[in-house]
PDB file of N, CA and C in Angstrom:
ATOM      1  N   MET A   1    -253.173 -55.168  30.269  1.00  0.00           N
ATOM      2  CA  MET A   1    -254.197 -55.961  31.568  1.00  0.00           C
ATOM      3  C   MET A   1    -252.975 -56.120  33.086  1.00  0.00           C
ATOM      4  N   LEU A   2    -253.825 -55.621  33.494  1.00  0.00           N
ATOM      5  CA  LEU A   2    -252.529 -56.464  34.836  1.00  0.00           C
ATOM      6  C   LEU A   2    -252.803 -57.653  35.176  1.00  0.00           C
ATOM      7  N   HIS A   3    -252.135 -58.243  35.470  1.00  0.00           N
ATOM      8  CA  HIS A   3    -252.060 -59.568  36.166  1.00  0.00           C
ATOM      9  C   HIS A   3    -251.609 -59.663  37.908  1.00  0.00           C
ATOM     10  N   TYR A   4    -252.181 -60.160  38.307  1.00  0.00           N
ATOM     11  CA  TYR A   4    -251.967 -60.048  39.800  1.00  0.00           C
ATOM     12  C   TYR A   4    -251.658 -61.739  40.603  1.00  0.00           C
ATOM     13  N   SER A   5    -250.692 -61.961  41.094  1.00  0.00           N
ATOM     14  CA  SER A   5    -250.677 -62.832  42.010  1.00  0.00           C
ATOM     15  C   SER A   5    -250.269 -63.000  43.761  1.00  0.00           C
ATOM     16  N   CYS A   6    -250.806 -64.453  44.125  1.00  0.00           N
ATOM     17  CA  CYS A   6    -251.277 -63.825  45.295  1.00  0.00           C
ATOM     18  C   CYS A   6    -249.251 -63.641  46.137  1.00  0.00           C
ATOM     19  N   ASP A   7    -249.413 -62.859  47.078  1.00  0.00           N
ATOM     20  CA  ASP A   7    -247.623 -62.977  47.145  1.00  0.00           C
ATOM     21  C   ASP A   7    -247.419 -63.976  48.196  1.00  0.00           C
ATOM     22  N   LEU A   8    -248.244 -64.460  48.524  1.00  0.00           N
ATOM     23  CA  LEU A   8    -247.938 -65.991  49.811  1.00  0.00           C
ATOM     24  C   LEU A   8    -247.967 -66.922  48.819  1.00  0.00           C
ATOM     25  N   CYS A   9    -248.835 -67.617  48.464  1.00  0.00           N
ATOM     26  CA  CYS A   9    -248.594 -68.902  47.749  1.00  0.00           C
ATOM     27  C   CYS A   9    -248.607 -68.895  46.347  1.00  0.00           C
ATOM     28  N   LYS A  10    -248.349 -67.713  45.696  1.00  0.00           N
ATOM     29  CA  LYS A  10    -248.206 -67.222  44.341  1.00  0.00           C
ATOM     30  C   LYS A  10    -249.094 -67.727  43.350  1.00  0.00           C
ATOM     31  N   ARG A  11    -249.960 -68.034  43.620  1.00  0.00           N
ATOM     32  CA  ARG A  11    -251.142 -68.199  42.910  1.00  0.00           C
ATOM     33  C   ARG A  11    -251.683 -67.303  42.100  1.00  0.00           C
ATOM     34  N   PRO A  12    -252.044 -67.081  40.838  1.00  0.00           N
ATOM     35  CA  PRO A  12    -252.397 -66.272  39.587  1.00  0.00           C
ATOM     36  C   PRO A  12    -254.184 -65.969  40.755  1.00  0.00           C
ATOM     37  N   ILE A  13    -254.048 -64.668  40.514  1.00  0.00           N
ATOM     38  CA  ILE A  13    -255.574 -63.893  40.936  1.00  0.00           C
ATOM     39  C   ILE A  13    -256.004 -63.603  39.772  1.00  0.00           C
ATOM     40  N   ASN A  14    -257.544 -63.954  39.314  1.00  0.00           N
ATOM     41  CA  ASN A  14    -258.113 -63.272  38.318  1.00  0.00           C
ATOM     42  C   ASN A  14    -258.947 -62.655  39.160  1.00  0.00           C
ATOM     43  N   THR A  15    -258.632 -61.460  38.651  1.00  0.00           N
ATOM     44  CA  THR A  15    -259.290 -60.139  39.270  1.00  0.00           C
ATOM     45  C   THR A  15    -261.237 -60.190  38.548  1.00  0.00           C
ATOM     46  N   HIS A  16    -261.459 -60.892  37.389  1.00  0.00           N
ATOM     47  CA  HIS A  16    -262.662 -60.926  37.269  1.00  0.00           C
ATOM     48  C   HIS A  16    -264.001 -62.063  37.634  1.00  0.00           C
ATOM     49  N   SER A  17    -263.197 -63.298  38.705  1.00  0.00           N
ATOM     50  CA  SER A  17    -263.683 -63.973  39.230  1.00  0.00           C
ATOM     51  C   SER A  17    -262.791 -63.870  40.679  1.00  0.00           C
ATOM     52  N   ASP A  18    -261.971 -63.394  41.404  1.00  0.00           N
ATOM     53  CA  ASP A  18    -261.146 -63.964  42.031  1.00  0.00           C
ATOM     54  C   ASP A  18    -261.396 -62.135  43.321  1.00  0.00           C
ATOM     55  N   ILE A  19    -260.991 -62.171  44.313  1.00  0.00           N
ATOM     56  CA  ILE A  19    -261.256 -61.495  45.365  1.00  0.00           C
ATOM     57  C   ILE A  19    -259.734 -61.082  45.572  1.00  0.00           C
ATOM     58  N   ARG A  20    -259.134 -59.746  45.243  1.00  0.00           N
ATOM     59  CA  ARG A  20    -258.124 -59.130  45.047  1.00  0.00           C
ATOM     60  C   ARG A  20    -257.569 -58.887  46.533  1.00  0.00           C
ATOM     61  N   HIS A  21    -257.204 -59.510  47.787  1.00  0.00           N
ATOM     62  CA  HIS A  21    -257.118 -58.471  48.772  1.00  0.00           C
ATOM     63  C   HIS A  21    -255.463 -57.517  49.159  1.00  0.00           C
ATOM     64  N   VAL A  22    -255.621 -56.064  49.780  1.00  0.00           N
ATOM     65  CA  VAL A  22    -254.413 -55.569  49.765  1.00  0.00           C
ATOM     66  C   VAL A  22    -254.511 -55.876  50.731  1.00  0.00           C
ATOM     67  N   VAL A  23    -252.436 -56.719  51.460  1.00  0.00           N
ATOM     68  CA  VAL A  23    -252.219 -55.671  52.468  1.00  0.00           C
ATOM     69  C   VAL A  23    -251.631 -54.624  52.914  1.00  0.00           C
ATOM     70  N   LYS A  24    -251.463 -53.779  53.752  1.00  0.00           N
ATOM     71  CA  LYS A  24    -250.454 -52.708  53.903  1.00  0.00           C
ATOM     72  C   LYS A  24    -250.378 -52.748  54.864  1.00  0.00           C
ATOM     73  N   ILE A  25    -248.561 -52.436  55.150  1.00  0.00           N
ATOM     74  CA  ILE A  25    -248.350 -52.278  56.470  1.00  0.00           C
ATOM     75  C   ILE A  25    -246.852 -51.233  56.426  1.00  0.00           C
ATOM     76  N   GLU A  26    -247.163 -50.524  57.835  1.00  0.00           N
ATOM     77  CA  GLU A  26    -245.934 -49.759  57.756  1.00  0.00           C
ATOM     78  C   GLU A  26    -245.314 -50.135  58.785  1.00  0.00           C
ATOM     79  N   VAL A  27    -244.380 -49.638  59.264  1.00  0.00           N
ATOM     80  CA  VAL A  27    -243.130 -50.149  59.822  1.00  0.00           C
ATOM     81  C   VAL A  27    -242.257 -48.536  60.304  1.00  0.00           C
ATOM     82  N   PHE A  28    -242.214 -48.089  61.375  1.00  0.00           N
ATOM     83  CA  PHE A  28    -241.694 -46.998  61.875  1.00  0.00           C
ATOM     84  C   PHE A  28    -241.058 -47.236  63.277  1.00  0.00           C
ATOM     85  N   PRO A  29    -240.218 -46.351  63.781  1.00  0.00           N
ATOM     86  CA  PRO A  29    -240.018 -46.057  64.994  1.00  0.00           C
ATOM     87  C   PRO A  29    -240.950 -45.444  65.615  1.00  0.00           C
ATOM     88  N   ALA A  30    -241.378 -46.050  66.963  1.00  0.00           N
ATOM     89  CA  ALA A  30    -241.748 -44.902  67.940  1.00  0.00           C
ATOM     90  C   ALA A  30    -241.039 -43.745  69.050  1.00  0.00           C
ATOM     91  N   VAL A  31    -241.171 -42.867  68.812  1.00  0.00           N
ATOM     92  CA  VAL A  31    -240.840 -42.597  69.396  1.00  0.00           C
ATOM     93  C   VAL A  31    -242.045 -41.760  71.076  1.00  0.00           C
ATOM     94  N   GLU A  32    -241.712 -42.107  72.325  1.00  0.00           N
ATOM     95  CA  GLU A  32    -243.100 -41.970  72.613  1.00  0.00           C
ATOM     96  C   GLU A  32    -242.561 -40.548  73.429  1.00  0.00           C
ATOM     97  N   ASP A  33    -243.897 -39.987  74.181  1.00  0.00           N
ATOM     98  CA  ASP A  33    -243.902 -38.592  74.622  1.00  0.00           C
ATOM     99  C   ASP A  33    -243.237 -38.788  76.214  1.00  0.00           C
ATOM    100  N   ALA A  34    -242.665 -38.940  76.208  1.00  0.00           N
ATOM    101  CA  ALA A  34    -241.546 -38.385  77.741  1.00  0.00           C
ATOM    102  C   ALA A  34    -241.796 -37.386  78.255  1.00  0.00           C
ATOM    103  N   PRO A  35    -242.226 -37.040  79.544  1.00  0.00           N
ATOM    104  CA  PRO A  35    -242.615 -35.878  80.340  1.00  0.00           C
ATOM    105  C   PRO A  35    -240.994 -34.275  80.249  1.00  0.00           C
ATOM    106  N   GLU A  36    -240.279 -35.502  80.294  1.00  0.00           N
ATOM    107  CA  GLU A  36    -238.666 -34.758  80.393  1.00  0.00           C
ATOM    108  C   GLU A  36    -238.490 -34.461  79.097  1.00  0.00           C
ATOM    109  N   ALA A  37    -238.895 -35.076  78.311  1.00  0.00           N
ATOM    110  CA  ALA A  37    -237.994 -34.285  76.984  1.00  0.00           C
ATOM    111  C   ALA A  37    -239.434 -33.591  76.101  1.00  0.00           C
ATOM    112  N   GLY A  38    -240.825 -33.344  76.674  1.00  0.00           N
ATOM    113  CA  GLY A  38    -241.279 -32.334  76.915  1.00  0.00           C
ATOM    114  C   GLY A  38    -241.263 -30.947  76.959  1.00  0.00           C
ATOM    115  N   CYS A  39    -242.611 -30.907  77.936  1.00  0.00           N
ATOM    116  CA  CYS A  39    -242.843 -30.567  78.343  1.00  0.00           C
ATOM    117  C   CYS A  39    -242.469 -29.879  80.097  1.00  0.00           C
ATOM    118  N   CYS A  40    -242.230 -28.605  80.471  1.00  0.00           N
ATOM    119  CA  CYS A  40    -241.239 -28.781  82.177  1.00  0.00           C
ATOM    120  C   CYS A  40    -242.303 -29.297  83.058  1.00  0.00           C
ATOM    121  N   HIS A  41    -243.490 -29.335  83.002  1.00  0.00           N
ATOM    122  CA  HIS A  41    -244.309 -29.614  83.894  1.00  0.00           C
ATOM    123  C   HIS A  41    -245.939 -30.099  83.796  1.00  0.00           C
ATOM    124  N   ALA A  42    -246.340 -31.126  84.856  1.00  0.00           N
ATOM    125  CA  ALA A  42    -247.320 -32.129  84.135  1.00  0.00           C
ATOM    126  C   ALA A  42    -248.200 -31.633  83.185  1.00  0.00           C
ATOM    127  N   GLY A  43    -248.822 -30.242  84.334  1.00  0.00           N
ATOM    128  CA  GLY A  43    -249.812 -29.663  83.823  1.00  0.00           C
ATOM    129  C   GLY A  43    -249.915 -28.833  82.483  1.00  0.00           C
ATOM    130  N   CYS A  44    -248.635 -28.967  81.565  1.00  0.00           N
ATOM    131  CA  CYS A  44    -248.368 -28.303  80.627  1.00  0.00           C
ATOM    132  C   CYS A  44    -248.944 -28.130  79.350  1.00  0.00           C
ATOM    133  N   ASP A  45    -250.021 -27.107  79.127  1.00  0.00           N
ATOM    134  CA  ASP A  45    -250.582 -27.863  77.845  1.00  0.00           C
ATOM    135  C   ASP A  45    -250.417 -27.167  76.459  1.00  0.00           C
ATOM    136  N   GLU A  46    -250.662 -28.210  75.374  1.00  0.00           N
ATOM    137  CA  GLU A  46    -250.309 -28.170  74.056  1.00  0.00           C
ATOM    138  C   GLU A  46    -249.709 -27.091  73.763  1.00  0.00           C
ATOM    139  N   GLN A  47    -250.508 -26.114  73.959  1.00  0.00           N
ATOM    140  CA  GLN A  47    -250.505 -24.970  72.980  1.00  0.00           C
ATOM    141  C   GLN A  47    -249.707 -24.115  73.729  1.00  0.00           C
ATOM    142  N   ASP A  48    -248.867 -24.537  74.869  1.00  0.00           N
ATOM    143  CA  ASP A  48    -247.746 -23.416  75.412  1.00  0.00           C
ATOM    144  C   ASP A  48    -246.609 -24.202  75.400  1.00  0.00           C
ATOM    145  N   ALA A  49    -246.318 -25.401  74.780  1.00  0.00           N
ATOM    146  CA  ALA A  49    -245.132 -26.070  74.345  1.00  0.00           C
ATOM    147  C   ALA A  49    -244.140 -25.479  73.242  1.00  0.00           C
ATOM    148  N   ASP A  50    -242.972 -25.179  73.318  1.00  0.00           N
ATOM    149  CA  ASP A  50    -242.202 -24.619  72.185  1.00  0.00           C
ATOM    150  C   ASP A  50    -241.874 -25.199  71.057  1.00  0.00           C
ATOM    151  N   HIS A  51    -242.731 -26.012  70.433  1.00  0.00           N
ATOM    152  CA  HIS A  51    -242.413 -26.992  69.066  1.00  0.00           C
ATOM    153  C   HIS A  51    -241.023 -26.626  68.451  1.00  0.00           C
ATOM    154  N   LEU A  52    -240.087 -25.601  68.229  1.00  0.00           N
ATOM    155  CA  LEU A  52    -239.201 -25.277  67.765  1.00  0.00           C
ATOM    156  C   LEU A  52    -238.143 -26.228  68.854  1.00  0.00           C
ATOM    157  N   GLU A  53    -238.055 -25.678  70.201  1.00  0.00           N
ATOM    158  CA  GLU A  53    -237.278 -25.788  71.454  1.00  0.00           C
ATOM    159  C   GLU A  53    -237.430 -27.701  70.966  1.00  0.00           C
ATOM    160  N   GLU A  54    -238.192 -28.230  71.419  1.00  0.00           N
ATOM    161  CA  GLU A  54    -238.688 -29.527  70.934  1.00  0.00           C
ATOM    162  C   GLU A  54    -237.983 -30.437  69.684  1.00  0.00           C
ATOM    163  N   MET A  55    -238.043 -29.842  68.361  1.00  0.00           N
ATOM    164  CA  MET A  55    -237.387 -30.715  67.570  1.00  0.00           C
ATOM    165  C   MET A  55    -235.658 -29.823  67.585  1.00  0.00           C
ATOM    166  N   GLN A  56    -235.767 -28.807  68.309  1.00  0.00           N
ATOM    167  CA  GLN A  56    -233.778 -28.965  68.112  1.00  0.00           C
ATOM    168  C   GLN A  56    -233.009 -29.584  68.947  1.00  0.00           C
ATOM    169  N   GLU A  57    -233.993 -29.717  70.165  1.00  0.00           N
ATOM    170  CA  GLU A  57    -233.841 -31.006  70.684  1.00  0.00           C
ATOM    171  C   GLU A  57    -233.579 -32.364  70.584  1.00  0.00           C
ATOM    172  N   LEU A  58    -234.814 -32.651  69.672  1.00  0.00           N
ATOM    173  CA  LEU A  58    -234.827 -34.089  69.191  1.00  0.00           C
ATOM    174  C   LEU A  58    -233.506 -34.322  68.031  1.00  0.00           C
ATOM    175  N   LEU A  59    -232.837 -33.075  67.389  1.00  0.00           N
ATOM    176  CA  LEU A  59    -232.286 -33.204  66.348  1.00  0.00           C
ATOM    177  C   LEU A  59    -230.679 -33.225  67.067  1.00  0.00           C
ATOM    178  N   GLU A  60    -230.432 -32.627  68.351  1.00  0.00           N
ATOM    179  CA  GLU A  60    -229.490 -32.585  68.559  1.00  0.00           C
ATOM    180  C   GLU A  60    -228.969 -33.638  69.379  1.00  0.00           C
ATOM    181  N   HIS A  61    -230.110 -34.854  69.817  1.00  0.00           N
ATOM    182  CA  HIS A  61    -230.208 -36.361  70.292  1.00  0.00           C
ATOM    183  C   HIS A  61    -229.938 -36.995  68.904  1.00  0.00           C
ATOM    184  N   ILE A  62    -230.462 -36.588  67.870  1.00  0.00           N
ATOM    185  CA  ILE A  62    -230.001 -37.760  66.994  1.00  0.00           C
ATOM    186  C   ILE A  62    -228.664 -37.585  66.323  1.00  0.00           C
ATOM    187  N   ASP A  63    -228.121 -36.575  66.452  1.00  0.00           N
ATOM    188  CA  ASP A  63    -226.663 -36.372  66.413  1.00  0.00           C
ATOM    189  C   ASP A  63    -226.052 -37.281  66.991  1.00  0.00           C
ATOM    190  N   GLU A  64    -226.327 -37.566  68.613  1.00  0.00           N
ATOM    191  CA  GLU A  64    -226.048 -38.641  69.228  1.00  0.00           C
ATOM    192  C   GLU A  64    -226.478 -39.458  69.440  1.00  0.00           C
ATOM    193  N   HIS A  65    -226.718 -39.844  68.203  1.00  0.00           N
ATOM    194  CA  HIS A  65    -227.691 -41.344  68.308  1.00  0.00           C
ATOM    195  C   HIS A  65    -228.370 -41.864  69.189  1.00  0.00           C
ATOM    196  N   THR A  66    -228.909 -41.200  70.098  1.00  0.00           N
ATOM    197  CA  THR A  66    -229.865 -41.204  70.795  1.00  0.00           C
ATOM    198  C   THR A  66    -231.252 -40.661  71.327  1.00  0.00           C
ATOM    199  N   ILE A  67    -232.233 -41.297  71.374  1.00  0.00           N
ATOM    200  CA  ILE A  67    -233.879 -40.458  71.856  1.00  0.00           C
ATOM    201  C   ILE A  67    -234.188 -41.100  72.843  1.00  0.00           C
ATOM    202  N   ALA A  68    -234.781 -40.459  73.817  1.00  0.00           N
ATOM    203  CA  ALA A  68    -235.472 -40.630  75.269  1.00  0.00           C
ATOM    204  C   ALA A  68    -234.445 -41.980  75.585  1.00  0.00           C
ATOM    205  N   GLY A  69    -232.753 -41.444  75.264  1.00  0.00           N
ATOM    206  CA  GLY A  69    -232.464 -42.607  76.460  1.00  0.00           C
ATOM    207  C   GLY A  69    -231.867 -44.032  75.672  1.00  0.00           C
ATOM    208  N   HIS A  70    -232.305 -44.248  74.110  1.00  0.00           N
ATOM    209  CA  HIS A  70    -232.751 -45.670  73.511  1.00  0.00           C
ATOM    210  C   HIS A  70    -231.237 -44.860  72.412  1.00  0.00           C
ATOM    211  N   ASP A  71    -230.471 -46.121  71.764  1.00  0.00           N
ATOM    212  CA  ASP A  71    -229.619 -45.878  70.718  1.00  0.00           C
ATOM    213  C   ASP A  71    -230.645 -46.192  69.782  1.00  0.00           C
ATOM    214  N   VAL A  72    -230.435 -45.089  68.472  1.00  0.00           N
ATOM    215  CA  VAL A  72    -231.311 -45.283  67.469  1.00  0.00           C
ATOM    216  C   VAL A  72    -230.132 -45.308  66.186  1.00  0.00           C
ATOM    217  N   SER A  73    -230.905 -46.139  65.617  1.00  0.00           N
ATOM    218  CA  SER A  73    -229.884 -46.965  64.304  1.00  0.00           C
ATOM    219  C   SER A  73    -230.523 -46.820  63.140  1.00  0.00           C
ATOM    220  N   PHE A  74    -229.547 -46.082  61.934  1.00  0.00           N
ATOM    221  CA  PHE A  74    -230.244 -45.205  60.898  1.00  0.00           C
ATOM    222  C   PHE A  74    -230.779 -45.972  59.841  1.00  0.00           C
ATOM    223  N   ASP A  75    -230.771 -47.340  60.308  1.00  0.00           N
ATOM    224  CA  ASP A  75    -231.160 -48.286  59.232  1.00  0.00           C
ATOM    225  C   ASP A  75    -232.912 -48.503  59.675  1.00  0.00           C
ATOM    226  N   ASP A  76    -233.467 -48.133  60.863  1.00  0.00           N
ATOM    227  CA  ASP A  76    -235.046 -47.855  61.426  1.00  0.00           C
ATOM    228  C   ASP A  76    -235.551 -47.259  61.026  1.00  0.00           C
ATOM    229  N   GLU A  77    -235.192 -46.919  59.561  1.00  0.00           N
ATOM    230  CA  GLU A  77    -235.556 -45.495  58.393  1.00  0.00           C
ATOM    231  C   GLU A  77    -237.331 -46.266  58.585  1.00  0.00           C
ATOM    232  N   ALA A  78    -238.956 -45.862  58.300  1.00  0.00           N
ATOM    233  CA  ALA A  78    -240.037 -45.942  58.531  1.00  0.00           C
ATOM    234  C   ALA A  78    -240.069 -46.367  56.813  1.00  0.00           C
ATOM    235  N   ARG A  79    -241.153 -47.841  56.117  1.00  0.00           N
ATOM    236  CA  ARG A  79    -240.989 -48.637  55.589  1.00  0.00           C
ATOM    237  C   ARG A  79    -241.992 -48.633  55.347  1.00  0.00           C
ATOM    238  N   SER A  80    -242.872 -48.709  53.904  1.00  0.00           N
ATOM    239  CA  SER A  80    -243.925 -49.476  53.692  1.00  0.00           C
ATOM    240  C   SER A  80    -244.408 -50.314  53.074  1.00  0.00           C
ATOM    241  N   MET A  81    -244.821 -51.361  53.425  1.00  0.00           N
ATOM    242  CA  MET A  81    -244.653 -52.890  52.441  1.00  0.00           C
ATOM    243  C   MET A  81    -246.313 -52.707  51.785  1.00  0.00           C
ATOM    244  N   HIS A  82    -246.325 -53.392  50.754  1.00  0.00           N
ATOM    245  CA  HIS A  82    -247.401 -53.708  50.307  1.00  0.00           C
ATOM    246  C   HIS A  82    -247.613 -55.128  49.550  1.00  0.00           C
ATOM    247  N   PHE A  83    -248.925 -55.770  49.996  1.00  0.00           N
ATOM    248  CA  PHE A  83    -249.071 -57.522  49.388  1.00  0.00           C
ATOM    249  C   PHE A  83    -250.321 -57.209  48.848  1.00  0.00           C
ATOM    250  N   ASP A  84    -250.481 -58.204  47.960  1.00  0.00           N
ATOM    251  CA  ASP A  84    -251.727 -58.978  47.394  1.00  0.00           C
ATOM    252  C   ASP A  84    -251.746 -60.059  47.575  1.00  0.00           C
ATOM    253  N   LEU A  85    -253.540 -60.856  48.143  1.00  0.00           N
ATOM    254  CA  LEU A  85    -253.645 -62.034  48.804  1.00  0.00           C
ATOM    255  C   LEU A  85    -254.568 -62.450  48.276  1.00  0.00           C
ATOM    256  N   CYS A  86    -254.804 -64.065  47.887  1.00  0.00           N
ATOM    257  CA  CYS A  86    -255.732 -64.499  47.811  1.00  0.00           C
ATOM    258  C   CYS A  86    -257.010 -64.153  49.023  1.00  0.00           C
ATOM    259  N   ASP A  87    -258.125 -64.884  48.300  1.00  0.00           N
ATOM    260  CA  ASP A  87    -258.745 -65.063  49.459  1.00  0.00           C
ATOM    261  C   ASP A  87    -258.803 -65.988  50.737  1.00  0.00           C
ATOM    262  N   ALA A  88    -257.809 -66.845  50.165  1.00  0.00           N
ATOM    263  CA  ALA A  88    -257.282 -67.795  51.266  1.00  0.00           C
ATOM    264  C   ALA A  88    -256.482 -67.558  52.297  1.00  0.00           C
ATOM    265  N   CYS A  89    -255.813 -66.863  51.596  1.00  0.00           N
ATOM    266  CA  CYS A  89    -253.825 -66.508  52.406  1.00  0.00           C
ATOM    267  C   CYS A  89    -254.967 -65.326  53.046  1.00  0.00           C
ATOM    268  N   ARG A  90    -255.438 -64.599  52.842  1.00  0.00           N
ATOM    269  CA  ARG A  90    -256.281 -63.482  53.110  1.00  0.00           C
ATOM    270  C   ARG A  90    -256.723 -64.208  54.766  1.00  0.00           C
ATOM    271  N   GLN A  91    -257.438 -65.184  54.373  1.00  0.00           N
ATOM    272  CA  GLN A  91    -258.297 -65.480  56.025  1.00  0.00           C
ATOM    273  C   GLN A  91    -257.549 -66.331  56.562  1.00  0.00           C
ATOM    274  N   ARG A  92    -256.118 -66.704  56.154  1.00  0.00           N
ATOM    275  CA  ARG A  92    -255.146 -66.991  56.953  1.00  0.00           C
ATOM    276  C   ARG A  92    -254.206 -66.207  57.689  1.00  0.00           C
ATOM    277  N   PHE A  93    -253.962 -64.534  56.875  1.00  0.00           N
ATOM    278  CA  PHE A  93    -253.143 -64.271  57.369  1.00  0.00           C
ATOM    279  C   PHE A  93    -254.050 -63.137  58.434  1.00  0.00           C
ATOM    280  N   VAL A  94    -255.653 -62.778  58.730  1.00  0.00           N
ATOM    281  CA  VAL A  94    -255.913 -62.315  59.318  1.00  0.00           C
ATOM    282  C   VAL A  94    -256.543 -62.992  60.587  1.00  0.00           C
ATOM    283  N   LYS A  95    -256.020 -64.141  60.599  1.00  0.00           N
ATOM    284  CA  LYS A  95    -255.963 -65.184  61.899  1.00  0.00           C
ATOM    285  C   LYS A  95    -254.631 -65.074  62.501  1.00  0.00           C
ATOM    286  N   ASN A  96    -254.087 -64.510  62.395  1.00  0.00           N
ATOM    287  CA  ASN A  96    -252.741 -64.955  62.484  1.00  0.00           C
ATOM    288  C   ASN A  96    -251.479 -63.588  61.793  1.00  0.00           C
ATOM    289  N   PRO A  97    -252.063 -62.409  62.034  1.00  0.00           N
ATOM    290  CA  PRO A  97    -251.287 -61.874  61.327  1.00  0.00           C
ATOM    291  C   PRO A  97    -249.594 -61.451  60.720  1.00  0.00           C
ATOM    292  N   LEU A  98    -249.065 -61.970  62.786  1.00  0.00           N
ATOM    293  CA  LEU A  98    -247.279 -61.643  62.800  1.00  0.00           C
ATOM    294  C   LEU A  98    -246.877 -63.669  62.310  1.00  0.00           C
ATOM    295  N   GLY A  99    -247.454 -64.493  62.155  1.00  0.00           N
ATOM    296  CA  GLY A  99    -247.150 -65.657  62.112  1.00  0.00           C
ATOM    297  C   GLY A  99    -246.527 -66.632  62.903  1.00  0.00           C
ATOM    298  N   PHE A 100    -247.051 -66.297  64.164  1.00  0.00           N
ATOM    299  CA  PHE A 100    -246.950 -67.050  65.134  1.00  0.00           C
ATOM    300  C   PHE A 100    -247.213 -68.248  64.930  1.00  0.00           C
ATOM    301  N   ARG A 101    -246.132 -68.924  65.263  1.00  0.00           N
ATOM    302  CA  ARG A 101    -246.637 -70.693  65.569  1.00  0.00           C
ATOM    303  C   ARG A 101    -247.207 -70.798  67.069  1.00  0.00           C
ATOM    304  N   SER A 102    -248.394 -72.101  66.372  1.00  0.00           N
ATOM    305  CA  SER A 102    -250.022 -72.399  67.583  1.00  0.00           C
ATOM    306  C   SER A 102    -248.052 -72.343  68.399  1.00  0.00           C
ATOM    307  N   GLY A 103    -248.975 -72.349  70.133  1.00  0.00           N
ATOM    308  CA  GLY A 103    -247.974 -72.496  71.117  1.00  0.00           C
ATOM    309  C   GLY A 103    -248.185 -74.038  71.565  1.00  0.00           C
ATOM    310  N   LYS A 104    -249.388 -74.496  71.269  1.00  0.00           N
ATOM    311  CA  LYS A 104    -249.608 -76.063  72.128  1.00  0.00           C
ATOM    312  C   LYS A 104    -248.788 -76.909  70.940  1.00  0.00           C
ATOM    313  N   GLN A 105    -247.183 -77.395  71.442  1.00  0.00           N
ATOM    314  CA  GLN A 105    -247.045 -79.093  70.759  1.00  0.00           C
ATOM    315  C   GLN A 105    -247.015 -79.929  71.198  1.00  0.00           C
ATOM    316  N   LEU A 106    -247.336 -81.020  71.330  1.00  0.00           N
ATOM    317  CA  LEU A 106    -247.929 -82.317  71.556  1.00  0.00           C
ATOM    318  C   LEU A 106    -247.038 -82.970  71.351  1.00  0.00           C
ATOM    319  N   ASP A 107    -246.138 -83.586  72.788  1.00  0.00           N
ATOM    320  CA  ASP A 107    -245.371 -84.399  72.788  1.00  0.00           C
ATOM    321  C   ASP A 107    -245.497 -86.134  72.872  1.00  0.00           C
ATOM    322  N   PHE A 108    -245.365 -86.720  72.562  1.00  0.00           N
ATOM    323  CA  PHE A 108    -245.795 -88.042  72.520  1.00  0.00           C
ATOM    324  C   PHE A 108    -244.309 -88.847  73.297  1.00  0.00           C
ATOM    325  N   SER A 109    -245.217 -89.821  73.958  1.00  0.00           N
ATOM    326  CA  SER A 109    -244.355 -90.875  74.720  1.00  0.00           C
ATOM    327  C   SER A 109    -243.377 -91.738  73.631  1.00  0.00           C
ATOM    328  N   ASN A 110    -241.998 -92.471  74.312  1.00  0.00           N
ATOM    329  CA  ASN A 110    -241.022 -92.990  73.277  1.00  0.00           C
ATOM    330  C   ASN A 110    -241.758 -94.372  73.216  1.00  0.00           C
ATOM    331  N   ASN A 111    -242.893 -94.640  73.633  1.00  0.00           N
ATOM    332  CA  ASN A 111    -243.137 -96.412  73.206  1.00  0.00           C
ATOM    333  C   ASN A 111    -243.725 -96.913  72.334  1.00  0.00           C
TER     334      ASN A 111
END
């Protein structure tokens, strides 16, 4: 029998009485479609594009460690992450998925 625990609070999750929530996150570098990188004119049809030529250009740019003028670091590979959350941690995660701290800070006077 598999035993699960919440990856945030470390509380055991009983699959018979508790709901186990799964969070999957994928992180990968985005390569924007720039007009100069793809087709030669603005009215270019997608089926008219030469994809082999585009791939060759991308491979050449990767060799130069740049894509569309941006430095490419090879530790920026795509990554998939998988987390198990209890219901309470899922509720907190959905409200603030990136973990930002509240922007409202209270400043008390020194009296």
